[in-house]
């Protein structure tokens, strides 16, 4: 029962309280770039969940069974980046084969998952919090869900804003940045929660 409550707490913290986009301000490039259409935001979110979860799995194994025994902990960031880049290449090839329309709609943002600081951030956060293997996987999965939630919410708002009567000077990126700031302020309300 204690394990289930710990996982539940971790999910609430990763999705709402310590959301990578809203509270840690990581992963803003795909957050702003891919959130124009709901379907591409959902596809990107699923890809990020997959990459975050697999990256945390492999980086935990690499750190625990390769870097620490060989006293090469100082190389963890480089090893993590190489692992994430390899996983993103795998995901990119899979999406290109399975869903070519999604691949085209994601465009340049799909390979940019490699440099998405939220993916690297979750792997480094797992190390700094000293999570075990299972906790690392769950933290990455829930962080990916939080990232996807941020993308989908932003995409829904931006699709509605396309039809709204707003001044010409505010269309596009200016209104997107205002919405992003407003959403971050709204999620700041979760910051006071201690679970």
C-alpha atoms as a PDB file:
ATOM      1  CA  UNK A   1       0.000   0.000   0.000  1.00  0.00           C
ATOM      2  CA  UNK A   2       2.901   2.343   0.743  1.00  0.00           C
ATOM      3  CA  UNK A   3       4.276   1.815  -2.782  1.00  0.00           C
ATOM      4  CA  UNK A   4       0.933   2.742  -4.370  1.00  0.00           C
ATOM      5  CA  UNK A   5       0.654   5.937  -2.307  1.00  0.00           C
ATOM      6  CA  UNK A   6       4.237   6.863  -3.216  1.00  0.00           C
ATOM      7  CA  UNK A   7       3.491   6.370  -6.937  1.00  0.00           C
ATOM      8  CA  UNK A   8       0.259   8.384  -6.623  1.00  0.00           C
ATOM      9  CA  UNK A   9       2.156  11.205  -4.918  1.00  0.00           C
ATOM     10  CA  UNK A  10       4.839  11.065  -7.597  1.00  0.00           C
ATOM     11  CA  UNK A  11       2.192  11.293 -10.325  1.00  0.00           C
ATOM     12  CA  UNK A  12       0.529  14.376  -8.815  1.00  0.00           C
ATOM     13  CA  UNK A  13       3.890  16.047  -8.279  1.00  0.00           C
ATOM     14  CA  UNK A  14       5.212  15.320 -11.799  1.00  0.00           C
ATOM     15  CA  UNK A  15       2.013  16.183 -13.674  1.00  0.00           C
ATOM     16  CA  UNK A  16       0.794  19.249 -11.794  1.00  0.00           C
ATOM     17  CA  UNK A  17       3.122  20.611  -9.108  1.00  0.00           C
ATOM     18  CA  UNK A  18       6.514  20.208 -10.800  1.00  0.00           C
ATOM     19  CA  UNK A  19       5.386  20.204 -14.431  1.00  0.00           C
ATOM     20  CA  UNK A  20       8.423  20.590 -16.680  1.00  0.00           C
ATOM     21  CA  UNK A  21       6.820  23.263 -18.844  1.00  0.00           C
ATOM     22  CA  UNK A  22       5.007  25.336 -16.236  1.00  0.00           C
ATOM     23  CA  UNK A  23       7.189  25.197 -13.137  1.00  0.00           C
ATOM     24  CA  UNK A  24      10.635  24.143 -14.393  1.00  0.00           C
ATOM     25  CA  UNK A  25      10.362  26.050 -17.719  1.00  0.00           C
ATOM     26  CA  UNK A  26      11.903  23.187 -19.709  1.00  0.00           C
ATOM     27  CA  UNK A  27      10.871  21.965 -23.142  1.00  0.00           C
ATOM     28  CA  UNK A  28       9.526  25.291 -24.386  1.00  0.00           C
ATOM     29  CA  UNK A  29      10.686  24.804 -27.993  1.00  0.00           C
ATOM     30  CA  UNK A  30       8.223  21.987 -28.789  1.00  0.00           C
ATOM     31  CA  UNK A  31       5.679  23.503 -26.399  1.00  0.00           C
ATOM     32  CA  UNK A  32       5.424  26.651 -28.503  1.00  0.00           C
ATOM     33  CA  UNK A  33       6.343  25.126 -31.881  1.00  0.00           C
ATOM     34  CA  UNK A  34       4.121  22.034 -32.013  1.00  0.00           C
ATOM     35  CA  UNK A  35       1.108  23.347 -30.156  1.00  0.00           C
ATOM     36  CA  UNK A  36      -0.599  24.899 -33.190  1.00  0.00           C
ATOM     37  CA  UNK A  37      -2.722  21.825 -33.967  1.00  0.00           C
ATOM     38  CA  UNK A  38      -4.223  19.387 -31.495  1.00  0.00           C
ATOM     39  CA  UNK A  39      -3.343  16.231 -33.438  1.00  0.00           C
ATOM     40  CA  UNK A  40       0.337  17.115 -33.838  1.00  0.00           C
ATOM     41  CA  UNK A  41       0.515  18.158 -30.162  1.00  0.00           C
ATOM     42  CA  UNK A  42      -0.948  14.808 -29.122  1.00  0.00           C
ATOM     43  CA  UNK A  43       1.467  12.924 -31.376  1.00  0.00           C
ATOM     44  CA  UNK A  44       4.438  14.864 -30.044  1.00  0.00           C
ATOM     45  CA  UNK A  45       3.262  14.267 -26.496  1.00  0.00           C
ATOM     46  CA  UNK A  46       3.056  10.520 -27.043  1.00  0.00           C
ATOM     47  CA  UNK A  47       6.545  10.521 -28.578  1.00  0.00           C
ATOM     48  CA  UNK A  48       7.914  12.496 -25.609  1.00  0.00           C
ATOM     49  CA  UNK A  49       6.272  10.127 -23.099  1.00  0.00           C
ATOM     50  CA  UNK A  50       7.817   7.177 -24.905  1.00  0.00           C
ATOM     51  CA  UNK A  51      11.274   8.762 -25.161  1.00  0.00           C
ATOM     52  CA  UNK A  52      11.239  10.039 -21.559  1.00  0.00           C
ATOM     53  CA  UNK A  53      10.276   6.641 -20.184  1.00  0.00           C
ATOM     54  CA  UNK A  54      12.793   4.707 -22.268  1.00  0.00           C
ATOM     55  CA  UNK A  55      15.525   7.294 -21.697  1.00  0.00           C
ATOM     56  CA  UNK A  56      15.068   7.083 -17.931  1.00  0.00           C
ATOM     57  CA  UNK A  57      15.131   3.303 -18.100  1.00  0.00           C
ATOM     58  CA  UNK A  58      18.330   3.122 -20.127  1.00  0.00           C
ATOM     59  CA  UNK A  59      20.127   5.996 -18.395  1.00  0.00           C
ATOM     60  CA  UNK A  60      19.438   4.471 -14.971  1.00  0.00           C
ATOM     61  CA  UNK A  61      20.866   1.152 -16.165  1.00  0.00           C
ATOM     62  CA  UNK A  62      23.871   2.827 -17.804  1.00  0.00           C
ATOM     63  CA  UNK A  63      24.631   4.901 -14.732  1.00  0.00           C
ATOM     64  CA  UNK A  64      24.142   2.052 -12.262  1.00  0.00           C
ATOM     65  CA  UNK A  65      25.894  -0.747 -14.122  1.00  0.00           C
ATOM     66  CA  UNK A  66      28.446   1.092 -16.250  1.00  0.00           C
ATOM     67  CA  UNK A  67      29.322   4.583 -15.035  1.00  0.00           C
ATOM     68  CA  UNK A  68      29.346   4.029 -11.259  1.00  0.00           C
ATOM     69  CA  UNK A  69      31.337   0.740 -11.285  1.00  0.00           C
ATOM     70  CA  UNK A  70      33.909   2.279 -13.624  1.00  0.00           C
ATOM     71  CA  UNK A  71      33.988   5.569 -11.610  1.00  0.00           C
ATOM     72  CA  UNK A  72      32.904   7.576 -14.659  1.00  0.00           C
ATOM     73  CA  UNK A  73      29.995   9.472 -13.089  1.00  0.00           C
ATOM     74  CA  UNK A  74      31.371  12.723 -14.481  1.00  0.00           C
ATOM     75  CA  UNK A  75      30.446  11.460 -17.973  1.00  0.00           C
ATOM     76  CA  UNK A  76      26.780  10.935 -17.115  1.00  0.00           C
ATOM     77  CA  UNK A  77      25.474  13.986 -19.004  1.00  0.00           C
ATOM     78  CA  UNK A  78      27.264  12.974 -22.193  1.00  0.00           C
ATOM     79  CA  UNK A  79      26.122   9.361 -21.821  1.00  0.00           C
ATOM     80  CA  UNK A  80      22.544  10.505 -21.191  1.00  0.00           C
ATOM     81  CA  UNK A  81      22.536  12.773 -24.268  1.00  0.00           C
ATOM     82  CA  UNK A  82      23.874   9.968 -26.481  1.00  0.00           C
ATOM     83  CA  UNK A  83      21.243   7.591 -25.127  1.00  0.00           C
ATOM     84  CA  UNK A  84      18.439  10.098 -25.734  1.00  0.00           C
ATOM     85  CA  UNK A  85      19.697  10.821 -29.267  1.00  0.00           C
ATOM     86  CA  UNK A  86      19.692   7.112 -30.089  1.00  0.00           C
ATOM     87  CA  UNK A  87      16.174   6.669 -28.750  1.00  0.00           C
ATOM     88  CA  UNK A  88      14.889   9.663 -30.693  1.00  0.00           C
ATOM     89  CA  UNK A  89      16.335   8.232 -33.913  1.00  0.00           C
ATOM     90  CA  UNK A  90      14.482   4.991 -33.184  1.00  0.00           C
ATOM     91  CA  UNK A  91      11.205   6.842 -32.497  1.00  0.00           C
ATOM     92  CA  UNK A  92      11.627   8.988 -35.611  1.00  0.00           C
ATOM     93  CA  UNK A  93      12.100   5.922 -37.821  1.00  0.00           C
ATOM     94  CA  UNK A  94       9.118   4.172 -36.208  1.00  0.00           C
ATOM     95  CA  UNK A  95       6.778   7.165 -36.640  1.00  0.00           C
ATOM     96  CA  UNK A  96       7.930   7.633 -40.232  1.00  0.00           C
ATOM     97  CA  UNK A  97       6.986   4.014 -41.007  1.00  0.00           C
ATOM     98  CA  UNK A  98       3.774   3.778 -38.942  1.00  0.00           C
ATOM     99  CA  UNK A  99       2.252   7.275 -39.259  1.00  0.00           C
ATOM    100  CA  UNK A 100       3.718   9.260 -42.167  1.00  0.00           C
ATOM    101  CA  UNK A 101       1.163  12.077 -41.831  1.00  0.00           C
ATOM    102  CA  UNK A 102       2.088  12.556 -38.163  1.00  0.00           C
ATOM    103  CA  UNK A 103       5.755  12.464 -39.169  1.00  0.00           C
ATOM    104  CA  UNK A 104       5.172  15.270 -41.679  1.00  0.00           C
ATOM    105  CA  UNK A 105       3.086  17.349 -39.261  1.00  0.00           C
ATOM    106  CA  UNK A 106       5.743  17.140 -36.533  1.00  0.00           C
ATOM    107  CA  UNK A 107       8.412  18.158 -39.017  1.00  0.00           C
ATOM    108  CA  UNK A 108      11.639  19.424 -37.511  1.00  0.00           C
ATOM    109  CA  UNK A 109      10.294  19.183 -33.956  1.00  0.00           C
ATOM    110  CA  UNK A 110      10.513  15.395 -33.870  1.00  0.00           C
ATOM    111  CA  UNK A 111      14.318  15.267 -34.137  1.00  0.00           C
ATOM    112  CA  UNK A 112      14.410  18.173 -31.685  1.00  0.00           C
ATOM    113  CA  UNK A 113      13.261  15.791 -28.939  1.00  0.00           C
ATOM    114  CA  UNK A 114      16.970  14.946 -28.810  1.00  0.00           C
ATOM    115  CA  UNK A 115      17.707  18.453 -27.594  1.00  0.00           C
ATOM    116  CA  UNK A 116      14.509  18.774 -25.576  1.00  0.00           C
ATOM    117  CA  UNK A 117      15.837  19.777 -22.210  1.00  0.00           C
ATOM    118  CA  UNK A 118      12.801  18.232 -20.482  1.00  0.00           C
ATOM    119  CA  UNK A 119      13.914  14.742 -21.562  1.00  0.00           C
ATOM    120  CA  UNK A 120      17.437  15.303 -20.276  1.00  0.00           C
ATOM    121  CA  UNK A 121      16.006  17.066 -17.230  1.00  0.00           C
ATOM    122  CA  UNK A 122      13.949  14.067 -16.147  1.00  0.00           C
ATOM    123  CA  UNK A 123      16.958  11.748 -16.386  1.00  0.00           C
ATOM    124  CA  UNK A 124      19.101  14.111 -14.333  1.00  0.00           C
ATOM    125  CA  UNK A 125      16.266  14.646 -11.858  1.00  0.00           C
ATOM    126  CA  UNK A 126      16.029  10.897 -11.332  1.00  0.00           C
ATOM    127  CA  UNK A 127      19.734  10.862 -10.455  1.00  0.00           C
ATOM    128  CA  UNK A 128      19.574  13.878  -8.143  1.00  0.00           C
ATOM    129  CA  UNK A 129      16.514  12.508  -6.307  1.00  0.00           C
ATOM    130  CA  UNK A 130      18.218   9.102  -5.989  1.00  0.00           C
ATOM    131  CA  UNK A 131      15.224   7.297  -7.438  1.00  0.00           C
ATOM    132  CA  UNK A 132      15.480   3.548  -7.805  1.00  0.00           C
ATOM    133  CA  UNK A 133      14.772   1.820 -11.120  1.00  0.00           C
ATOM    134  CA  UNK A 134      10.970   1.616 -10.769  1.00  0.00           C
ATOM    135  CA  UNK A 135      10.676   5.142  -9.369  1.00  0.00           C
ATOM    136  CA  UNK A 136      12.759   6.492 -12.269  1.00  0.00           C
ATOM    137  CA  UNK A 137      10.462   4.861 -14.805  1.00  0.00           C
ATOM    138  CA  UNK A 138       7.297   6.121 -13.099  1.00  0.00           C
ATOM    139  CA  UNK A 139       8.690   9.640 -12.648  1.00  0.00           C
ATOM    140  CA  UNK A 140       9.615   9.809 -16.334  1.00  0.00           C
ATOM    141  CA  UNK A 141       6.237   8.458 -17.425  1.00  0.00           C
ATOM    142  CA  UNK A 142       4.292  10.927 -15.279  1.00  0.00           C
ATOM    143  CA  UNK A 143       6.566  13.804 -16.312  1.00  0.00           C
ATOM    144  CA  UNK A 144       5.829  12.890 -19.923  1.00  0.00           C
ATOM    145  CA  UNK A 145       2.119  12.926 -19.173  1.00  0.00           C
ATOM    146  CA  UNK A 146       2.510  16.393 -17.644  1.00  0.00           C
ATOM    147  CA  UNK A 147       4.404  17.560 -20.725  1.00  0.00           C
ATOM    148  CA  UNK A 148       1.703  16.107 -22.990  1.00  0.00           C
ATOM    149  CA  UNK A 149      -1.008  17.761 -20.925  1.00  0.00           C
ATOM    150  CA  UNK A 150       0.728  21.124 -21.349  1.00  0.00           C
ATOM    151  CA  UNK A 151       1.035  20.598 -25.120  1.00  0.00           C
ATOM    152  CA  UNK A 152      -2.592  19.526 -25.535  1.00  0.00           C
ATOM    153  CA  UNK A 153      -3.950  22.379 -23.405  1.00  0.00           C
ATOM    154  CA  UNK A 154      -1.905  24.916 -25.350  1.00  0.00           C
ATOM    155  CA  UNK A 155      -2.945  23.403 -28.694  1.00  0.00           C
ATOM    156  CA  UNK A 156      -6.611  23.538 -27.730  1.00  0.00           C
ATOM    157  CA  UNK A 157      -6.348  27.179 -26.722  1.00  0.00           C
ATOM    158  CA  UNK A 158      -4.364  28.120 -29.848  1.00  0.00           C
ATOM    159  CA  UNK A 159      -6.899  26.440 -32.132  1.00  0.00           C
ATOM    160  CA  UNK A 160      -9.654  28.469 -30.481  1.00  0.00           C
ATOM    161  CA  UNK A 161      -7.574  31.644 -30.774  1.00  0.00           C
ATOM    162  CA  UNK A 162      -7.272  31.130 -34.547  1.00  0.00           C
ATOM    163  CA  UNK A 163     -11.014  31.799 -34.804  1.00  0.00           C
ATOM    164  CA  UNK A 164     -11.063  34.593 -32.222  1.00  0.00           C
ATOM    165  CA  UNK A 165     -11.207  38.258 -33.101  1.00  0.00           C
ATOM    166  CA  UNK A 166      -7.892  39.499 -31.759  1.00  0.00           C
ATOM    167  CA  UNK A 167      -5.802  42.438 -32.994  1.00  0.00           C
ATOM    168  CA  UNK A 168      -3.530  41.687 -35.949  1.00  0.00           C
ATOM    169  CA  UNK A 169      -0.425  42.663 -33.994  1.00  0.00           C
ATOM    170  CA  UNK A 170      -1.262  40.011 -31.364  1.00  0.00           C
ATOM    171  CA  UNK A 171      -1.867  37.097 -33.748  1.00  0.00           C
ATOM    172  CA  UNK A 172       0.558  34.201 -33.815  1.00  0.00           C
ATOM    173  CA  UNK A 173       3.495  34.193 -31.438  1.00  0.00           C
ATOM    174  CA  UNK A 174       2.579  37.216 -29.254  1.00  0.00           C
ATOM    175  CA  UNK A 175      -0.746  35.746 -28.149  1.00  0.00           C
ATOM    176  CA  UNK A 176       0.871  32.292 -27.775  1.00  0.00           C
ATOM    177  CA  UNK A 177       3.437  33.713 -25.362  1.00  0.00           C
ATOM    178  CA  UNK A 178       0.757  35.534 -23.385  1.00  0.00           C
ATOM    179  CA  UNK A 179      -1.272  32.330 -23.126  1.00  0.00           C
ATOM    180  CA  UNK A 180       1.836  30.370 -22.092  1.00  0.00           C
ATOM    181  CA  UNK A 181       2.567  32.879 -19.340  1.00  0.00           C
ATOM    182  CA  UNK A 182      -1.040  32.814 -18.142  1.00  0.00           C
ATOM    183  CA  UNK A 183      -1.036  29.021 -18.030  1.00  0.00           C
ATOM    184  CA  UNK A 184       2.230  29.014 -16.064  1.00  0.00           C
ATOM    185  CA  UNK A 185       0.675  31.447 -13.577  1.00  0.00           C
ATOM    186  CA  UNK A 186      -2.392  29.231 -13.266  1.00  0.00           C
ATOM    187  CA  UNK A 187      -0.250  26.167 -12.550  1.00  0.00           C
ATOM    188  CA  UNK A 188       1.758  28.160 -10.027  1.00  0.00           C
ATOM    189  CA  UNK A 189      -1.248  27.662  -7.758  1.00  0.00           C
ATOM    190  CA  UNK A 190      -0.176  24.032  -7.363  1.00  0.00           C
ATOM    191  CA  UNK A 191       3.268  25.078  -6.089  1.00  0.00           C
ATOM    192  CA  UNK A 192       2.128  25.370  -2.494  1.00  0.00           C
ATOM    193  CA  UNK A 193       0.914  21.763  -2.303  1.00  0.00           C
ATOM    194  CA  UNK A 194       2.945  19.496  -0.058  1.00  0.00           C
ATOM    195  CA  UNK A 195       1.990  15.853  -0.462  1.00  0.00           C
END
